Amino acid sequence: KWETRNTPWLEWWLEYLESEWKKAVNKDLWRQTLTF
C-alpha cells in the first residue's frame, strides 16, 4: 500500500506522470519507482 498518514503517494505519482511527464515507462523507472 503506497500511502502514508498525510500523503496519498500513488495518487500523486499517477497524477504527476499523466499531467506532466506523459512518457513510456522503461525497466529502470519501473524498478526505481518501487525503491522510491
PDB file of all heavy atoms in Angstrom:
ATOM      1  N   LYS A   1       0.853  -1.191   0.000  1.00  0.00           N
ATOM      2  CA  LYS A   1       0.000   0.000   0.000  1.00  0.00           C
ATOM      3  C   LYS A   1       0.885   1.237   0.000  1.00  0.00           C
ATOM      4  O   LYS A   1       1.599   1.513   0.971  1.00  0.00           O
ATOM      5  CB  LYS A   1      -0.897  -0.009   1.235  1.00  0.00           C
ATOM      6  CG  LYS A   1      -1.943   1.098   1.262  1.00  0.00           C
ATOM      7  CD  LYS A   1      -3.024   0.867   0.227  1.00  0.00           C
ATOM      8  CE  LYS A   1      -4.182   1.833   0.398  1.00  0.00           C
ATOM      9  NZ  LYS A   1      -5.202   1.646  -0.650  1.00  0.00           N
ATOM     10  N   TRP A   2       0.811   2.024  -1.112  1.00  0.00           N
ATOM     11  CA  TRP A   2       1.709   3.171  -1.245  1.00  0.00           C
ATOM     12  C   TRP A   2       0.999   4.453  -0.824  1.00  0.00           C
ATOM     13  O   TRP A   2       0.577   5.253  -1.641  1.00  0.00           O
ATOM     14  CB  TRP A   2       2.230   3.294  -2.669  1.00  0.00           C
ATOM     15  CG  TRP A   2       3.368   4.280  -2.788  1.00  0.00           C
ATOM     16  CD1 TRP A   2       4.112   4.822  -1.780  1.00  0.00           C
ATOM     17  CD2 TRP A   2       3.904   4.819  -3.998  1.00  0.00           C
ATOM     18  NE1 TRP A   2       5.069   5.672  -2.265  1.00  0.00           N
ATOM     19  CE2 TRP A   2       4.970   5.686  -3.634  1.00  0.00           C
ATOM     20  CE3 TRP A   2       3.600   4.646  -5.347  1.00  0.00           C
ATOM     21  CZ2 TRP A   2       5.718   6.385  -4.578  1.00  0.00           C
ATOM     22  CZ3 TRP A   2       4.340   5.336  -6.287  1.00  0.00           C
ATOM     23  CH2 TRP A   2       5.392   6.202  -5.912  1.00  0.00           C
ATOM     24  N   GLU A   3       0.869   4.603   0.455  1.00  0.00           N
ATOM     25  CA  GLU A   3       0.387   5.850   1.028  1.00  0.00           C
ATOM     26  C   GLU A   3       0.829   5.904   2.486  1.00  0.00           C
ATOM     27  O   GLU A   3       1.048   4.876   3.116  1.00  0.00           O
ATOM     28  CB  GLU A   3      -1.143   5.975   0.918  1.00  0.00           C
ATOM     29  CG  GLU A   3      -1.912   4.961   1.741  1.00  0.00           C
ATOM     30  CD  GLU A   3      -3.429   5.150   1.627  1.00  0.00           C
ATOM     31  OE1 GLU A   3      -3.894   5.567   0.543  1.00  0.00           O
ATOM     32  OE2 GLU A   3      -4.132   4.888   2.609  1.00  0.00           O
ATOM     33  N   THR A   4       0.981   7.116   2.963  1.00  0.00           N
ATOM     34  CA  THR A   4       1.343   7.324   4.367  1.00  0.00           C
ATOM     35  C   THR A   4       0.262   8.188   5.010  1.00  0.00           C
ATOM     36  O   THR A   4      -0.707   8.584   4.349  1.00  0.00           O
ATOM     37  CB  THR A   4       2.726   7.985   4.477  1.00  0.00           C
ATOM     38  OG1 THR A   4       2.778   9.117   3.597  1.00  0.00           O
ATOM     39  CG2 THR A   4       3.831   7.014   4.095  1.00  0.00           C
ATOM     40  N   ARG A   5       0.433   8.486   6.272  1.00  0.00           N
ATOM     41  CA  ARG A   5      -0.624   9.168   7.027  1.00  0.00           C
ATOM     42  C   ARG A   5      -1.096  10.458   6.351  1.00  0.00           C
ATOM     43  O   ARG A   5      -2.293  10.753   6.301  1.00  0.00           O
ATOM     44  CB  ARG A   5      -0.119   9.472   8.445  1.00  0.00           C
ATOM     45  CG  ARG A   5      -1.150  10.157   9.333  1.00  0.00           C
ATOM     46  CD  ARG A   5      -0.621  10.329  10.744  1.00  0.00           C
ATOM     47  NE  ARG A   5      -1.608  11.009  11.574  1.00  0.00           N
ATOM     48  CZ  ARG A   5      -2.647  10.410  12.153  1.00  0.00           C
ATOM     49  NH1 ARG A   5      -2.850   9.119  11.981  1.00  0.00           N
ATOM     50  NH2 ARG A   5      -3.481  11.110  12.897  1.00  0.00           N
ATOM     51  N   ASN A   6      -0.163  11.222   5.815  1.00  0.00           N
ATOM     52  CA  ASN A   6      -0.512  12.525   5.234  1.00  0.00           C
ATOM     53  C   ASN A   6      -0.335  12.608   3.724  1.00  0.00           C
ATOM     54  O   ASN A   6      -0.493  13.683   3.148  1.00  0.00           O
ATOM     55  CB  ASN A   6       0.343  13.622   5.894  1.00  0.00           C
ATOM     56  CG  ASN A   6       0.089  13.725   7.382  1.00  0.00           C
ATOM     57  OD1 ASN A   6      -1.045  13.948   7.805  1.00  0.00           O
ATOM     58  ND2 ASN A   6       1.133  13.535   8.178  1.00  0.00           N
ATOM     59  N   THR A   7       0.008  11.499   3.092  1.00  0.00           N
ATOM     60  CA  THR A   7       0.347  11.579   1.670  1.00  0.00           C
ATOM     61  C   THR A   7      -0.204  10.388   0.876  1.00  0.00           C
ATOM     62  O   THR A   7       0.202   9.248   1.118  1.00  0.00           O
ATOM     63  CB  THR A   7       1.878  11.621   1.470  1.00  0.00           C
ATOM     64  OG1 THR A   7       2.432  12.627   2.329  1.00  0.00           O
ATOM     65  CG2 THR A   7       2.213  11.928   0.025  1.00  0.00           C
ATOM     66  N   PRO A   8      -1.098  10.645  -0.085  1.00  0.00           N
ATOM     67  CA  PRO A   8      -1.563   9.581  -0.991  1.00  0.00           C
ATOM     68  C   PRO A   8      -0.567   9.431  -2.148  1.00  0.00           C
ATOM     69  O   PRO A   8      -0.807   9.877  -3.268  1.00  0.00           O
ATOM     70  CB  PRO A   8      -2.911  10.118  -1.473  1.00  0.00           C
ATOM     71  CG  PRO A   8      -2.741  11.604  -1.461  1.00  0.00           C
ATOM     72  CD  PRO A   8      -1.806  11.920  -0.329  1.00  0.00           C
ATOM     73  N   TRP A   9       0.555   8.781  -1.886  1.00  0.00           N
ATOM     74  CA  TRP A   9       1.678   8.764  -2.831  1.00  0.00           C
ATOM     75  C   TRP A   9       1.312   8.240  -4.216  1.00  0.00           C
ATOM     76  O   TRP A   9       1.688   8.833  -5.232  1.00  0.00           O
ATOM     77  CB  TRP A   9       2.836   7.939  -2.259  1.00  0.00           C
ATOM     78  CG  TRP A   9       3.562   8.603  -1.136  1.00  0.00           C
ATOM     79  CD1 TRP A   9       3.515   8.277   0.189  1.00  0.00           C
ATOM     80  CD2 TRP A   9       4.442   9.728  -1.231  1.00  0.00           C
ATOM     81  NE1 TRP A   9       4.306   9.116   0.935  1.00  0.00           N
ATOM     82  CE2 TRP A   9       4.889  10.027   0.083  1.00  0.00           C
ATOM     83  CE3 TRP A   9       4.888  10.519  -2.283  1.00  0.00           C
ATOM     84  CZ2 TRP A   9       5.764  11.063   0.355  1.00  0.00           C
ATOM     85  CZ3 TRP A   9       5.771  11.566  -2.020  1.00  0.00           C
ATOM     86  CH2 TRP A   9       6.194  11.828  -0.719  1.00  0.00           C
ATOM     87  N   LEU A  10       0.618   7.121  -4.277  1.00  0.00           N
ATOM     88  CA  LEU A  10       0.294   6.550  -5.587  1.00  0.00           C
ATOM     89  C   LEU A  10      -0.588   7.499  -6.383  1.00  0.00           C
ATOM     90  O   LEU A  10      -0.361   7.708  -7.580  1.00  0.00           O
ATOM     91  CB  LEU A  10      -0.405   5.195  -5.418  1.00  0.00           C
ATOM     92  CG  LEU A  10      -0.862   4.533  -6.720  1.00  0.00           C
ATOM     93  CD1 LEU A  10       0.318   4.262  -7.641  1.00  0.00           C
ATOM     94  CD2 LEU A  10      -1.634   3.243  -6.438  1.00  0.00           C
ATOM     95  N   GLU A  11      -1.581   8.075  -5.732  1.00  0.00           N
ATOM     96  CA  GLU A  11      -2.470   9.027  -6.404  1.00  0.00           C
ATOM     97  C   GLU A  11      -1.679  10.198  -6.971  1.00  0.00           C
ATOM     98  O   GLU A  11      -1.874  10.611  -8.123  1.00  0.00           O
ATOM     99  CB  GLU A  11      -3.519   9.517  -5.406  1.00  0.00           C
ATOM    100  CG  GLU A  11      -4.487  10.546  -5.968  1.00  0.00           C
ATOM    101  CD  GLU A  11      -5.410  11.090  -4.896  1.00  0.00           C
ATOM    102  OE1 GLU A  11      -5.789  10.320  -3.981  1.00  0.00           O
ATOM    103  OE2 GLU A  11      -5.740  12.295  -4.962  1.00  0.00           O
ATOM    104  N   TRP A  12      -0.767  10.752  -6.178  1.00  0.00           N
ATOM    105  CA  TRP A  12       0.031  11.886  -6.635  1.00  0.00           C
ATOM    106  C   TRP A  12       1.001  11.478  -7.753  1.00  0.00           C
ATOM    107  O   TRP A  12       1.209  12.237  -8.699  1.00  0.00           O
ATOM    108  CB  TRP A  12       0.817  12.487  -5.466  1.00  0.00           C
ATOM    109  CG  TRP A  12      -0.030  13.269  -4.510  1.00  0.00           C
ATOM    110  CD1 TRP A  12      -1.382  13.464  -4.576  1.00  0.00           C
ATOM    111  CD2 TRP A  12       0.433  13.961  -3.354  1.00  0.00           C
ATOM    112  NE1 TRP A  12      -1.800  14.227  -3.519  1.00  0.00           N
ATOM    113  CE2 TRP A  12      -0.702  14.557  -2.749  1.00  0.00           C
ATOM    114  CE3 TRP A  12       1.670  14.126  -2.747  1.00  0.00           C
ATOM    115  CZ2 TRP A  12      -0.624  15.310  -1.585  1.00  0.00           C
ATOM    116  CZ3 TRP A  12       1.756  14.887  -1.587  1.00  0.00           C
ATOM    117  CH2 TRP A  12       0.617  15.474  -1.008  1.00  0.00           C
ATOM    118  N   TRP A  13       1.609  10.306  -7.611  1.00  0.00           N
ATOM    119  CA  TRP A  13       2.560   9.818  -8.618  1.00  0.00           C
ATOM    120  C   TRP A  13       1.869   9.686  -9.980  1.00  0.00           C
ATOM    121  O   TRP A  13       2.391  10.160 -10.999  1.00  0.00           O
ATOM    122  CB  TRP A  13       3.131   8.478  -8.160  1.00  0.00           C
ATOM    123  CG  TRP A  13       4.034   7.756  -9.112  1.00  0.00           C
ATOM    124  CD1 TRP A  13       3.816   6.520  -9.647  1.00  0.00           C
ATOM    125  CD2 TRP A  13       5.304   8.172  -9.614  1.00  0.00           C
ATOM    126  NE1 TRP A  13       4.858   6.148 -10.450  1.00  0.00           N
ATOM    127  CE2 TRP A  13       5.803   7.157 -10.446  1.00  0.00           C
ATOM    128  CE3 TRP A  13       6.075   9.324  -9.433  1.00  0.00           C
ATOM    129  CZ2 TRP A  13       7.018   7.230 -11.107  1.00  0.00           C
ATOM    130  CZ3 TRP A  13       7.301   9.414 -10.098  1.00  0.00           C
ATOM    131  CH2 TRP A  13       7.755   8.380 -10.932  1.00  0.00           C
ATOM    132  N   LEU A  14       0.699   9.075 -10.004  1.00  0.00           N
ATOM    133  CA  LEU A  14      -0.019   8.899 -11.267  1.00  0.00           C
ATOM    134  C   LEU A  14      -0.502  10.245 -11.814  1.00  0.00           C
ATOM    135  O   LEU A  14      -0.468  10.478 -13.029  1.00  0.00           O
ATOM    136  CB  LEU A  14      -1.200   7.943 -11.075  1.00  0.00           C
ATOM    137  CG  LEU A  14      -0.829   6.502 -10.712  1.00  0.00           C
ATOM    138  CD1 LEU A  14      -2.084   5.660 -10.521  1.00  0.00           C
ATOM    139  CD2 LEU A  14       0.058   5.875 -11.784  1.00  0.00           C
ATOM    140  N   GLU A  15      -0.950  11.123 -10.938  1.00  0.00           N
ATOM    141  CA  GLU A  15      -1.380  12.449 -11.375  1.00  0.00           C
ATOM    142  C   GLU A  15      -0.230  13.200 -12.035  1.00  0.00           C
ATOM    143  O   GLU A  15      -0.400  13.821 -13.098  1.00  0.00           O
ATOM    144  CB  GLU A  15      -1.904  13.249 -10.180  1.00  0.00           C
ATOM    145  CG  GLU A  15      -2.374  14.655 -10.548  1.00  0.00           C
ATOM    146  CD  GLU A  15      -2.771  15.487  -9.331  1.00  0.00           C
ATOM    147  OE1 GLU A  15      -2.970  14.907  -8.236  1.00  0.00           O
ATOM    148  OE2 GLU A  15      -2.858  16.733  -9.469  1.00  0.00           O
ATOM    149  N   TYR A  16       0.945  13.136 -11.423  1.00  0.00           N
ATOM    150  CA  TYR A  16       2.099  13.829 -11.989  1.00  0.00           C
ATOM    151  C   TYR A  16       2.489  13.243 -13.348  1.00  0.00           C
ATOM    152  O   TYR A  16       2.704  13.976 -14.322  1.00  0.00           O
ATOM    153  CB  TYR A  16       3.297  13.754 -11.038  1.00  0.00           C
ATOM    154  CG  TYR A  16       4.566  14.248 -11.679  1.00  0.00           C
ATOM    155  CD1 TYR A  16       4.792  15.616 -11.850  1.00  0.00           C
ATOM    156  CD2 TYR A  16       5.520  13.354 -12.166  1.00  0.00           C
ATOM    157  CE1 TYR A  16       5.927  16.075 -12.486  1.00  0.00           C
ATOM    158  CE2 TYR A  16       6.664  13.805 -12.802  1.00  0.00           C
ATOM    159  CZ  TYR A  16       6.861  15.169 -12.964  1.00  0.00           C
ATOM    160  OH  TYR A  16       7.987  15.622 -13.603  1.00  0.00           O
ATOM    161  N   LEU A  17       2.585  11.937 -13.426  1.00  0.00           N
ATOM    162  CA  LEU A  17       3.003  11.301 -14.680  1.00  0.00           C
ATOM    163  C   LEU A  17       2.033  11.610 -15.813  1.00  0.00           C
ATOM    164  O   LEU A  17       2.436  11.875 -16.949  1.00  0.00           O
ATOM    165  CB  LEU A  17       3.127   9.786 -14.489  1.00  0.00           C
ATOM    166  CG  LEU A  17       4.243   9.294 -13.560  1.00  0.00           C
ATOM    167  CD1 LEU A  17       4.206   7.778 -13.468  1.00  0.00           C
ATOM    168  CD2 LEU A  17       5.617   9.762 -14.028  1.00  0.00           C
ATOM    169  N   GLU A  18       0.733  11.557 -15.511  1.00  0.00           N
ATOM    170  CA  GLU A  18      -0.272  11.746 -16.552  1.00  0.00           C
ATOM    171  C   GLU A  18      -0.400  13.205 -16.978  1.00  0.00           C
ATOM    172  O   GLU A  18      -0.712  13.490 -18.141  1.00  0.00           O
ATOM    173  CB  GLU A  18      -1.619  11.224 -16.052  1.00  0.00           C
ATOM    174  CG  GLU A  18      -1.643   9.703 -15.916  1.00  0.00           C
ATOM    175  CD  GLU A  18      -2.820   9.206 -15.100  1.00  0.00           C
ATOM    176  OE1 GLU A  18      -3.666  10.042 -14.694  1.00  0.00           O
ATOM    177  OE2 GLU A  18      -2.903   7.977 -14.865  1.00  0.00           O
ATOM    178  N   SER A  19      -0.128  14.127 -16.073  1.00  0.00           N
ATOM    179  CA  SER A  19      -0.301  15.548 -16.400  1.00  0.00           C
ATOM    180  C   SER A  19       0.992  16.230 -16.844  1.00  0.00           C
ATOM    181  O   SER A  19       0.964  17.172 -17.646  1.00  0.00           O
ATOM    182  CB  SER A  19      -0.874  16.301 -15.201  1.00  0.00           C
ATOM    183  OG  SER A  19       0.039  16.279 -14.105  1.00  0.00           O
ATOM    184  N   GLU A  20       2.121  15.758 -16.340  1.00  0.00           N
ATOM    185  CA  GLU A  20       3.385  16.450 -16.595  1.00  0.00           C
ATOM    186  C   GLU A  20       4.377  15.650 -17.443  1.00  0.00           C
ATOM    187  O   GLU A  20       5.085  16.204 -18.281  1.00  0.00           O
ATOM    188  CB  GLU A  20       4.055  16.805 -15.253  1.00  0.00           C
ATOM    189  CG  GLU A  20       3.182  17.613 -14.307  1.00  0.00           C
ATOM    190  CD  GLU A  20       2.939  19.030 -14.789  1.00  0.00           C
ATOM    191  OE1 GLU A  20       3.781  19.539 -15.547  1.00  0.00           O
ATOM    192  OE2 GLU A  20       1.915  19.617 -14.401  1.00  0.00           O
ATOM    193  N   TRP A  21       4.441  14.364 -17.222  1.00  0.00           N
ATOM    194  CA  TRP A  21       5.519  13.582 -17.841  1.00  0.00           C
ATOM    195  C   TRP A  21       5.098  12.980 -19.181  1.00  0.00           C
ATOM    196  O   TRP A  21       5.744  13.160 -20.197  1.00  0.00           O
ATOM    197  CB  TRP A  21       5.992  12.504 -16.872  1.00  0.00           C
ATOM    198  CG  TRP A  21       7.359  11.988 -17.172  1.00  0.00           C
ATOM    199  CD1 TRP A  21       8.509  12.717 -17.225  1.00  0.00           C
ATOM    200  CD2 TRP A  21       7.719  10.640 -17.469  1.00  0.00           C
ATOM    201  NE1 TRP A  21       9.579  11.908 -17.524  1.00  0.00           N
ATOM    202  CE2 TRP A  21       9.126  10.621 -17.680  1.00  0.00           C
ATOM    203  CE3 TRP A  21       7.022   9.457 -17.568  1.00  0.00           C
ATOM    204  CZ2 TRP A  21       9.811   9.461 -17.987  1.00  0.00           C
ATOM    205  CZ3 TRP A  21       7.704   8.298 -17.867  1.00  0.00           C
ATOM    206  CH2 TRP A  21       9.085   8.299 -18.076  1.00  0.00           C
ATOM    207  N   LYS A  22       4.031  12.183 -19.170  1.00  0.00           N
ATOM    208  CA  LYS A  22       3.388  11.662 -20.390  1.00  0.00           C
ATOM    209  C   LYS A  22       4.322  10.848 -21.287  1.00  0.00           C
ATOM    210  O   LYS A  22       4.276  10.970 -22.508  1.00  0.00           O
ATOM    211  CB  LYS A  22       2.795  12.822 -21.199  1.00  0.00           C
ATOM    212  CG  LYS A  22       1.793  13.672 -20.436  1.00  0.00           C
ATOM    213  CD  LYS A  22       1.325  14.839 -21.266  1.00  0.00           C
ATOM    214  CE  LYS A  22       0.374  15.732 -20.494  1.00  0.00           C
ATOM    215  NZ  LYS A  22      -0.074  16.900 -21.279  1.00  0.00           N
ATOM    216  N   LYS A  23       5.185  10.035 -20.708  1.00  0.00           N
ATOM    217  CA  LYS A  23       6.095   9.205 -21.498  1.00  0.00           C
ATOM    218  C   LYS A  23       5.946   7.730 -21.108  1.00  0.00           C
ATOM    219  O   LYS A  23       5.326   7.405 -20.104  1.00  0.00           O
ATOM    220  CB  LYS A  23       7.553   9.643 -21.276  1.00  0.00           C
ATOM    221  CG  LYS A  23       7.850  11.053 -21.737  1.00  0.00           C
ATOM    222  CD  LYS A  23       9.299  11.406 -21.455  1.00  0.00           C
ATOM    223  CE  LYS A  23       9.611  12.842 -21.837  1.00  0.00           C
ATOM    224  NZ  LYS A  23      11.018  13.214 -21.518  1.00  0.00           N
ATOM    225  N   ALA A  24       6.553   6.852 -21.898  1.00  0.00           N
ATOM    226  CA  ALA A  24       6.535   5.426 -21.603  1.00  0.00           C
ATOM    227  C   ALA A  24       7.409   5.125 -20.394  1.00  0.00           C
ATOM    228  O   ALA A  24       8.260   5.939 -19.999  1.00  0.00           O
ATOM    229  CB  ALA A  24       7.007   4.628 -22.817  1.00  0.00           C
ATOM    230  N   VAL A  25       7.195   3.951 -19.814  1.00  0.00           N
ATOM    231  CA  VAL A  25       7.912   3.553 -18.595  1.00  0.00           C
ATOM    232  C   VAL A  25       8.890   2.434 -18.946  1.00  0.00           C
ATOM    233  O   VAL A  25       8.479   1.358 -19.397  1.00  0.00           O
ATOM    234  CB  VAL A  25       6.924   3.071 -17.511  1.00  0.00           C
ATOM    235  CG1 VAL A  25       7.676   2.559 -16.285  1.00  0.00           C
ATOM    236  CG2 VAL A  25       5.973   4.206 -17.129  1.00  0.00           C
ATOM    237  N   ASN A  26      10.177   2.694 -18.740  1.00  0.00           N
ATOM    238  CA  ASN A  26      11.175   1.654 -19.019  1.00  0.00           C
ATOM    239  C   ASN A  26      11.474   0.840 -17.753  1.00  0.00           C
ATOM    240  O   ASN A  26      10.940   1.111 -16.674  1.00  0.00           O
ATOM    241  CB  ASN A  26      12.455   2.256 -19.616  1.00  0.00           C
ATOM    242  CG  ASN A  26      13.145   3.227 -18.668  1.00  0.00           C
ATOM    243  OD1 ASN A  26      12.941   3.197 -17.451  1.00  0.00           O
ATOM    244  ND2 ASN A  26      13.975   4.094 -19.217  1.00  0.00           N
ATOM    245  N   LYS A  27      12.347  -0.136 -17.917  1.00  0.00           N
ATOM    246  CA  LYS A  27      12.639  -1.052 -16.817  1.00  0.00           C
ATOM    247  C   LYS A  27      13.245  -0.347 -15.622  1.00  0.00           C
ATOM    248  O   LYS A  27      12.902  -0.632 -14.464  1.00  0.00           O
ATOM    249  CB  LYS A  27      13.578  -2.166 -17.310  1.00  0.00           C
ATOM    250  CG  LYS A  27      13.884  -3.243 -16.281  1.00  0.00           C
ATOM    251  CD  LYS A  27      14.762  -4.322 -16.902  1.00  0.00           C
ATOM    252  CE  LYS A  27      15.070  -5.440 -15.923  1.00  0.00           C
ATOM    253  NZ  LYS A  27      15.920  -6.496 -16.559  1.00  0.00           N
ATOM    254  N   ASP A  28      14.168   0.582 -15.874  1.00  0.00           N
ATOM    255  CA  ASP A  28      14.829   1.286 -14.776  1.00  0.00           C
ATOM    256  C   ASP A  28      13.823   2.106 -13.969  1.00  0.00           C
ATOM    257  O   ASP A  28      13.834   2.063 -12.736  1.00  0.00           O
ATOM    258  CB  ASP A  28      15.935   2.191 -15.317  1.00  0.00           C
ATOM    259  CG  ASP A  28      16.665   2.932 -14.202  1.00  0.00           C
ATOM    260  OD1 ASP A  28      17.242   2.257 -13.327  1.00  0.00           O
ATOM    261  OD2 ASP A  28      16.646   4.173 -14.201  1.00  0.00           O
ATOM    262  N   LEU A  29      12.938   2.823 -14.663  1.00  0.00           N
ATOM    263  CA  LEU A  29      11.942   3.625 -13.941  1.00  0.00           C
ATOM    264  C   LEU A  29      10.978   2.729 -13.188  1.00  0.00           C
ATOM    265  O   LEU A  29      10.596   3.046 -12.049  1.00  0.00           O
ATOM    266  CB  LEU A  29      11.174   4.522 -14.917  1.00  0.00           C
ATOM    267  CG  LEU A  29      10.055   5.355 -14.281  1.00  0.00           C
ATOM    268  CD1 LEU A  29      10.587   6.211 -13.143  1.00  0.00           C
ATOM    269  CD2 LEU A  29       9.375   6.224 -15.336  1.00  0.00           C
ATOM    270  N   TRP A  30      10.591   1.609 -13.773  1.00  0.00           N
ATOM    271  CA  TRP A  30       9.683   0.677 -13.093  1.00  0.00           C
ATOM    272  C   TRP A  30      10.298   0.213 -11.765  1.00  0.00           C
ATOM    273  O   TRP A  30       9.637   0.241 -10.725  1.00  0.00           O
ATOM    274  CB  TRP A  30       9.407  -0.522 -14.002  1.00  0.00           C
ATOM    275  CG  TRP A  30       8.500  -1.559 -13.397  1.00  0.00           C
ATOM    276  CD1 TRP A  30       8.880  -2.699 -12.741  1.00  0.00           C
ATOM    277  CD2 TRP A  30       7.064  -1.547 -13.385  1.00  0.00           C
ATOM    278  NE1 TRP A  30       7.780  -3.412 -12.323  1.00  0.00           N
ATOM    279  CE2 TRP A  30       6.650  -2.732 -12.706  1.00  0.00           C
ATOM    280  CE3 TRP A  30       6.100  -0.677 -13.881  1.00  0.00           C
ATOM    281  CZ2 TRP A  30       5.299  -3.048 -12.521  1.00  0.00           C
ATOM    282  CZ3 TRP A  30       4.749  -0.999 -13.694  1.00  0.00           C
ATOM    283  CH2 TRP A  30       4.372  -2.162 -13.014  1.00  0.00           C
ATOM    284  N   ARG A  31      11.550  -0.173 -11.803  1.00  0.00           N
ATOM    285  CA  ARG A  31      12.194  -0.685 -10.587  1.00  0.00           C
ATOM    286  C   ARG A  31      12.513   0.423  -9.587  1.00  0.00           C
ATOM    287  O   ARG A  31      12.369   0.249  -8.376  1.00  0.00           O
ATOM    288  CB  ARG A  31      13.463  -1.452 -10.959  1.00  0.00           C
ATOM    289  CG  ARG A  31      13.166  -2.721 -11.755  1.00  0.00           C
ATOM    290  CD  ARG A  31      14.346  -3.671 -11.792  1.00  0.00           C
ATOM    291  NE  ARG A  31      13.964  -4.945 -12.387  1.00  0.00           N
ATOM    292  CZ  ARG A  31      14.707  -6.041 -12.340  1.00  0.00           C
ATOM    293  NH1 ARG A  31      15.888  -6.011 -11.739  1.00  0.00           N
ATOM    294  NH2 ARG A  31      14.289  -7.163 -12.889  1.00  0.00           N
ATOM    295  N   GLN A  32      12.938   1.575 -10.095  1.00  0.00           N
ATOM    296  CA  GLN A  32      13.255   2.686  -9.201  1.00  0.00           C
ATOM    297  C   GLN A  32      11.996   3.235  -8.526  1.00  0.00           C
ATOM    298  O   GLN A  32      12.069   3.778  -7.418  1.00  0.00           O
ATOM    299  CB  GLN A  32      13.962   3.802  -9.975  1.00  0.00           C
ATOM    300  CG  GLN A  32      15.388   3.487 -10.376  1.00  0.00           C
ATOM    301  CD  GLN A  32      16.323   3.397  -9.173  1.00  0.00           C
ATOM    302  OE1 GLN A  32      16.133   4.076  -8.176  1.00  0.00           O
ATOM    303  NE2 GLN A  32      17.328   2.534  -9.262  1.00  0.00           N
ATOM    304  N   THR A  33      10.857   3.078  -9.179  1.00  0.00           N
ATOM    305  CA  THR A  33       9.595   3.506  -8.556  1.00  0.00           C
ATOM    306  C   THR A  33       9.330   2.703  -7.287  1.00  0.00           C
ATOM    307  O   THR A  33       8.899   3.259  -6.267  1.00  0.00           O
ATOM    308  CB  THR A  33       8.420   3.353  -9.539  1.00  0.00           C
ATOM    309  OG1 THR A  33       8.648   4.188 -10.685  1.00  0.00           O
ATOM    310  CG2 THR A  33       7.103   3.751  -8.888  1.00  0.00           C
ATOM    311  N   LEU A  34       9.597   1.410  -7.319  1.00  0.00           N
ATOM    312  CA  LEU A  34       9.423   0.593  -6.117  1.00  0.00           C
ATOM    313  C   LEU A  34      10.399   1.033  -5.028  1.00  0.00           C
ATOM    314  O   LEU A  34      10.015   1.161  -3.852  1.00  0.00           O
ATOM    315  CB  LEU A  34       9.629  -0.886  -6.437  1.00  0.00           C
ATOM    316  CG  LEU A  34       9.627  -1.842  -5.229  1.00  0.00           C
ATOM    317  CD1 LEU A  34       8.333  -1.729  -4.432  1.00  0.00           C
ATOM    318  CD2 LEU A  34       9.874  -3.281  -5.668  1.00  0.00           C
ATOM    319  N   THR A  35      11.649   1.262  -5.402  1.00  0.00           N
ATOM    320  CA  THR A  35      12.647   1.714  -4.414  1.00  0.00           C
ATOM    321  C   THR A  35      12.220   3.038  -3.788  1.00  0.00           C
ATOM    322  O   THR A  35      12.303   3.219  -2.564  1.00  0.00           O
ATOM    323  CB  THR A  35      14.023   1.866  -5.077  1.00  0.00           C
ATOM    324  OG1 THR A  35      14.400   0.622  -5.676  1.00  0.00           O
ATOM    325  CG2 THR A  35      15.077   2.258  -4.057  1.00  0.00           C
ATOM    326  N   PHE A  36      11.751   3.959  -4.628  1.00  0.00           N
ATOM    327  CA  PHE A  36      11.296   5.258  -4.138  1.00  0.00           C
ATOM    328  C   PHE A  36      10.080   5.095  -3.226  1.00  0.00           C
ATOM    329  O   PHE A  36       9.989   5.738  -2.170  1.00  0.00           O
ATOM    330  CB  PHE A  36      10.951   6.155  -5.327  1.00  0.00           C
ATOM    331  CG  PHE A  36      10.465   7.525  -4.944  1.00  0.00           C
ATOM    332  CD1 PHE A  36      11.350   8.479  -4.453  1.00  0.00           C
ATOM    333  CD2 PHE A  36       9.127   7.867  -5.070  1.00  0.00           C
ATOM    334  CE1 PHE A  36      10.897   9.754  -4.098  1.00  0.00           C
ATOM    335  CE2 PHE A  36       8.672   9.128  -4.716  1.00  0.00           C
ATOM    336  CZ  PHE A  36       9.559  10.077  -4.230  1.00  0.00           C
TER     337      PHE A  36
END
